[in-house]
């Protein structure tokens, strides 16, 4: 049986995971082009701020996907808890 505290703990852990994924997405999408272009072009590489827009777009997309996954997971957990409580009540009758 899933308790309410278990659901809150799972959702908290899921939120932390989403934050980590969003931060890593920003860092990777911002730093990777800079490193690759500096290695390939040397001093002729474009400035780092040129890649900031793309990094922000990737980060926003990752945040939206993470938020959708969070709300879906929350709904699934709540529904499973309701189903378990309904099964227990029908078993008691």
N, C-alpha and C. Protein backbone atom coordinates (compact mmCIF):
# COMPACT_ATOMS: atom_id res chain seq x y z
N UNK A 1 0.83 -1.18 0.00
CA UNK A 1 0.00 0.00 0.00
C UNK A 1 0.88 1.25 0.00
N UNK A 2 0.54 2.17 -0.83
CA UNK A 2 1.29 3.42 -0.92
C UNK A 2 0.67 4.43 0.04
N UNK A 3 1.49 4.98 0.90
CA UNK A 3 1.02 5.98 1.85
C UNK A 3 1.20 7.37 1.25
N UNK A 4 0.51 8.34 1.82
CA UNK A 4 0.61 9.72 1.35
C UNK A 4 2.04 10.24 1.50
N UNK A 5 2.71 9.88 2.57
CA UNK A 5 4.09 10.33 2.77
C UNK A 5 5.02 9.73 1.72
N UNK A 6 4.73 8.49 1.29
CA UNK A 6 5.52 7.88 0.22
C UNK A 6 5.34 8.64 -1.09
N UNK A 7 4.11 9.03 -1.36
CA UNK A 7 3.84 9.78 -2.59
C UNK A 7 4.55 11.12 -2.56
N UNK A 8 4.49 11.80 -1.42
CA UNK A 8 5.17 13.09 -1.31
C UNK A 8 6.68 12.93 -1.48
N UNK A 9 7.24 11.88 -0.91
CA UNK A 9 8.67 11.63 -1.06
C UNK A 9 9.05 11.33 -2.50
N UNK A 10 8.24 10.53 -3.16
CA UNK A 10 8.52 10.21 -4.56
C UNK A 10 8.44 11.45 -5.44
N UNK A 11 7.43 12.27 -5.20
CA UNK A 11 7.27 13.49 -6.00
C UNK A 11 8.41 14.48 -5.72
N UNK A 12 8.84 14.56 -4.47
CA UNK A 12 9.96 15.45 -4.13
C UNK A 12 11.23 15.00 -4.85
N UNK A 13 11.49 13.71 -4.83
CA UNK A 13 12.66 13.17 -5.51
C UNK A 13 12.56 13.40 -7.02
N UNK A 14 11.38 13.24 -7.56
CA UNK A 14 11.17 13.47 -8.99
C UNK A 14 11.42 14.93 -9.35
N UNK A 15 10.96 15.86 -8.48
CA UNK A 15 11.21 17.29 -8.73
C UNK A 15 12.70 17.59 -8.72
N UNK A 16 13.43 17.03 -7.76
CA UNK A 16 14.88 17.25 -7.71
C UNK A 16 15.54 16.70 -8.98
N UNK A 17 15.08 15.56 -9.43
CA UNK A 17 15.62 14.99 -10.66
C UNK A 17 15.36 15.88 -11.86
N UNK A 18 14.18 16.47 -11.91
CA UNK A 18 13.85 17.37 -13.02
C UNK A 18 14.76 18.60 -12.99
N UNK A 19 15.00 19.13 -11.81
CA UNK A 19 15.88 20.30 -11.70
C UNK A 19 17.28 19.94 -12.18
N UNK A 20 17.77 18.78 -11.80
CA UNK A 20 19.10 18.35 -12.24
C UNK A 20 19.14 18.20 -13.75
N UNK A 21 18.12 17.61 -14.33
CA UNK A 21 18.09 17.42 -15.78
C UNK A 21 18.06 18.77 -16.49
N UNK A 22 17.29 19.72 -15.98
CA UNK A 22 17.21 21.04 -16.62
C UNK A 22 18.56 21.76 -16.53
N UNK A 23 19.20 21.71 -15.38
CA UNK A 23 20.50 22.38 -15.23
C UNK A 23 21.55 21.73 -16.13
N UNK A 24 21.58 20.42 -16.17
CA UNK A 24 22.54 19.72 -17.03
C UNK A 24 22.26 20.01 -18.50
N UNK A 25 20.99 20.10 -18.86
CA UNK A 25 20.64 20.44 -20.24
C UNK A 25 21.19 21.81 -20.61
N UNK A 26 21.03 22.77 -19.71
CA UNK A 26 21.56 24.11 -20.00
C UNK A 26 23.07 24.07 -20.14
N UNK A 27 23.74 23.43 -19.20
CA UNK A 27 25.20 23.41 -19.24
C UNK A 27 25.73 22.72 -20.49
N UNK A 28 25.16 21.58 -20.82
CA UNK A 28 25.64 20.83 -21.98
C UNK A 28 25.34 21.59 -23.28
N UNK A 29 24.14 22.13 -23.39
CA UNK A 29 23.79 22.82 -24.63
C UNK A 29 24.50 24.16 -24.77
N UNK A 30 25.01 24.70 -23.69
CA UNK A 30 25.76 25.96 -23.77
C UNK A 30 27.26 25.71 -23.96
N UNK A 31 27.80 24.75 -23.24
CA UNK A 31 29.25 24.55 -23.25
C UNK A 31 29.73 23.72 -24.44
N UNK A 32 28.95 22.74 -24.87
CA UNK A 32 29.40 21.86 -25.95
C UNK A 32 29.73 22.60 -27.25
N UNK A 33 28.88 23.50 -27.75
CA UNK A 33 29.25 24.20 -28.98
C UNK A 33 30.49 25.09 -28.80
N UNK A 34 30.63 25.66 -27.62
CA UNK A 34 31.79 26.52 -27.37
C UNK A 34 33.08 25.71 -27.44
N UNK A 35 33.08 24.58 -26.76
CA UNK A 35 34.28 23.73 -26.74
C UNK A 35 34.57 23.18 -28.13
N UNK A 36 33.54 22.72 -28.82
CA UNK A 36 33.74 22.14 -30.15
C UNK A 36 34.26 23.19 -31.14
N UNK A 37 33.68 24.37 -31.12
CA UNK A 37 34.11 25.40 -32.06
C UNK A 37 35.50 25.94 -31.72
N UNK A 38 35.79 26.06 -30.44
CA UNK A 38 37.14 26.50 -30.07
C UNK A 38 38.19 25.47 -30.47
N UNK A 39 37.85 24.20 -30.37
CA UNK A 39 38.79 23.16 -30.78
C UNK A 39 38.97 23.15 -32.29
N UNK A 40 37.88 23.38 -33.02
CA UNK A 40 37.95 23.32 -34.48
C UNK A 40 38.50 24.61 -35.09
N UNK A 41 38.09 25.75 -34.57
CA UNK A 41 38.44 27.02 -35.20
C UNK A 41 39.49 27.82 -34.44
N UNK A 42 39.73 27.46 -33.22
CA UNK A 42 40.72 28.20 -32.43
C UNK A 42 40.22 29.58 -32.08
N UNK A 43 41.03 30.58 -32.34
CA UNK A 43 40.68 31.95 -31.96
C UNK A 43 39.63 32.57 -32.87
N UNK A 44 39.33 31.93 -33.99
CA UNK A 44 38.32 32.46 -34.92
C UNK A 44 36.90 32.03 -34.55
N UNK A 45 36.75 31.34 -33.44
CA UNK A 45 35.43 30.86 -33.01
C UNK A 45 34.55 32.04 -32.62
N UNK A 46 33.24 31.93 -32.86
CA UNK A 46 32.32 33.01 -32.46
C UNK A 46 32.26 33.15 -30.94
N UNK A 47 31.79 34.28 -30.46
CA UNK A 47 31.73 34.48 -29.00
C UNK A 47 30.74 33.52 -28.34
N UNK A 48 30.96 33.30 -27.06
CA UNK A 48 30.14 32.34 -26.32
C UNK A 48 28.69 32.79 -26.22
N UNK A 49 28.45 34.09 -26.22
CA UNK A 49 27.08 34.57 -26.08
C UNK A 49 26.22 34.23 -27.29
N UNK A 50 26.83 33.88 -28.38
CA UNK A 50 26.07 33.51 -29.57
C UNK A 50 25.30 32.21 -29.35
N UNK A 51 25.76 31.37 -28.46
CA UNK A 51 25.12 30.07 -28.21
C UNK A 51 24.12 30.13 -27.06
N UNK A 52 24.00 31.26 -26.43
CA UNK A 52 23.13 31.38 -25.27
C UNK A 52 21.65 31.19 -25.63
N UNK A 53 21.22 31.73 -26.75
CA UNK A 53 19.82 31.59 -27.16
C UNK A 53 19.42 30.14 -27.38
N UNK A 54 20.27 29.40 -28.04
CA UNK A 54 20.00 27.98 -28.28
C UNK A 54 19.97 27.22 -26.96
N UNK A 55 20.88 27.54 -26.07
CA UNK A 55 20.91 26.87 -24.77
C UNK A 55 19.64 27.15 -23.98
N UNK A 56 19.16 28.37 -24.05
CA UNK A 56 17.93 28.72 -23.33
C UNK A 56 16.73 27.99 -23.94
N UNK A 57 16.69 27.88 -25.25
CA UNK A 57 15.58 27.15 -25.90
C UNK A 57 15.58 25.69 -25.47
N UNK A 58 16.74 25.05 -25.50
CA UNK A 58 16.82 23.65 -25.06
C UNK A 58 16.41 23.51 -23.60
N UNK A 59 16.81 24.46 -22.78
CA UNK A 59 16.49 24.41 -21.36
C UNK A 59 14.99 24.56 -21.13
N UNK A 60 14.37 25.47 -21.84
CA UNK A 60 12.92 25.66 -21.71
C UNK A 60 12.17 24.41 -22.15
N UNK A 61 12.61 23.81 -23.24
CA UNK A 61 11.97 22.58 -23.71
C UNK A 61 12.12 21.47 -22.67
N UNK A 62 13.31 21.34 -22.11
CA UNK A 62 13.53 20.32 -21.08
C UNK A 62 12.66 20.58 -19.85
N UNK A 63 12.51 21.84 -19.48
CA UNK A 63 11.67 22.19 -18.33
C UNK A 63 10.20 21.88 -18.60
N UNK A 64 9.74 22.15 -19.80
CA UNK A 64 8.34 21.87 -20.14
C UNK A 64 8.08 20.36 -20.15
N UNK A 65 8.99 19.61 -20.73
CA UNK A 65 8.85 18.15 -20.74
C UNK A 65 8.90 17.61 -19.31
N UNK A 66 9.79 18.16 -18.50
CA UNK A 66 9.88 17.73 -17.10
C UNK A 66 8.62 18.05 -16.32
N UNK A 67 8.05 19.23 -16.54
CA UNK A 67 6.81 19.60 -15.85
C UNK A 67 5.66 18.69 -16.27
N UNK A 68 5.58 18.40 -17.56
CA UNK A 68 4.52 17.50 -18.03
C UNK A 68 4.69 16.10 -17.43
N UNK A 69 5.92 15.63 -17.37
CA UNK A 69 6.18 14.31 -16.78
C UNK A 69 5.85 14.32 -15.29
N UNK A 70 6.16 15.41 -14.61
CA UNK A 70 5.86 15.51 -13.18
C UNK A 70 4.36 15.44 -12.92
N UNK A 71 3.59 16.21 -13.67
CA UNK A 71 2.14 16.21 -13.45
C UNK A 71 1.52 14.87 -13.84
N UNK A 72 2.05 14.23 -14.87
CA UNK A 72 1.55 12.91 -15.25
C UNK A 72 1.87 11.89 -14.16
N UNK A 73 3.09 11.92 -13.65
CA UNK A 73 3.49 11.00 -12.58
C UNK A 73 2.67 11.25 -11.32
N UNK A 74 2.42 12.51 -11.01
CA UNK A 74 1.61 12.85 -9.85
C UNK A 74 0.19 12.30 -9.99
N UNK A 75 -0.37 12.45 -11.17
CA UNK A 75 -1.73 11.94 -11.41
C UNK A 75 -1.76 10.41 -11.31
N UNK A 76 -0.74 9.76 -11.83
CA UNK A 76 -0.69 8.30 -11.77
C UNK A 76 -0.60 7.84 -10.31
N UNK A 77 0.24 8.50 -9.53
CA UNK A 77 0.37 8.11 -8.11
C UNK A 77 -0.93 8.36 -7.35
N UNK A 78 -1.57 9.48 -7.60
CA UNK A 78 -2.83 9.77 -6.91
C UNK A 78 -3.91 8.76 -7.30
N UNK A 79 -3.96 8.42 -8.58
CA UNK A 79 -4.95 7.46 -9.05
C UNK A 79 -4.69 6.08 -8.45
N UNK A 80 -3.43 5.69 -8.36
CA UNK A 80 -3.13 4.38 -7.78
C UNK A 80 -3.47 4.35 -6.29
N UNK A 81 -3.29 5.48 -5.61
CA UNK A 81 -3.65 5.54 -4.20
C UNK A 81 -5.17 5.46 -4.03
N UNK A 82 -5.91 6.12 -4.90
CA UNK A 82 -7.37 6.06 -4.84
C UNK A 82 -7.87 4.65 -5.14
N UNK A 83 -7.23 3.99 -6.12
CA UNK A 83 -7.63 2.62 -6.44
C UNK A 83 -7.37 1.68 -5.27
N UNK A 84 -6.24 1.87 -4.60
CA UNK A 84 -5.93 1.02 -3.46
C UNK A 84 -6.91 1.24 -2.32
N UNK A 85 -7.28 2.50 -2.08
CA UNK A 85 -8.22 2.76 -0.99
C UNK A 85 -9.61 2.22 -1.35
N UNK A 86 -9.98 2.28 -2.62
CA UNK A 86 -11.27 1.74 -3.04
C UNK A 86 -11.28 0.22 -2.91
N UNK A 87 -10.15 -0.42 -3.23
CA UNK A 87 -10.06 -1.88 -3.09
C UNK A 87 -10.14 -2.29 -1.63
N UNK A 88 -9.53 -1.51 -0.76
CA UNK A 88 -9.58 -1.83 0.67
C UNK A 88 -10.99 -1.68 1.21
N UNK A 89 -11.69 -0.63 0.77
CA UNK A 89 -13.05 -0.42 1.24
C UNK A 89 -13.98 -1.51 0.73
N UNK A 90 -13.79 -1.93 -0.51
CA UNK A 90 -14.64 -2.99 -1.04
C UNK A 90 -14.31 -4.33 -0.39
N UNK A 91 -13.08 -4.51 0.03
CA UNK A 91 -12.68 -5.74 0.71
C UNK A 91 -13.24 -5.81 2.12
N UNK A 92 -13.47 -4.65 2.73
CA UNK A 92 -14.01 -4.62 4.08
C UNK A 92 -15.50 -4.89 4.10
N UNK A 93 -16.18 -4.62 2.99
CA UNK A 93 -17.65 -4.79 2.94
C UNK A 93 -18.06 -6.23 2.90
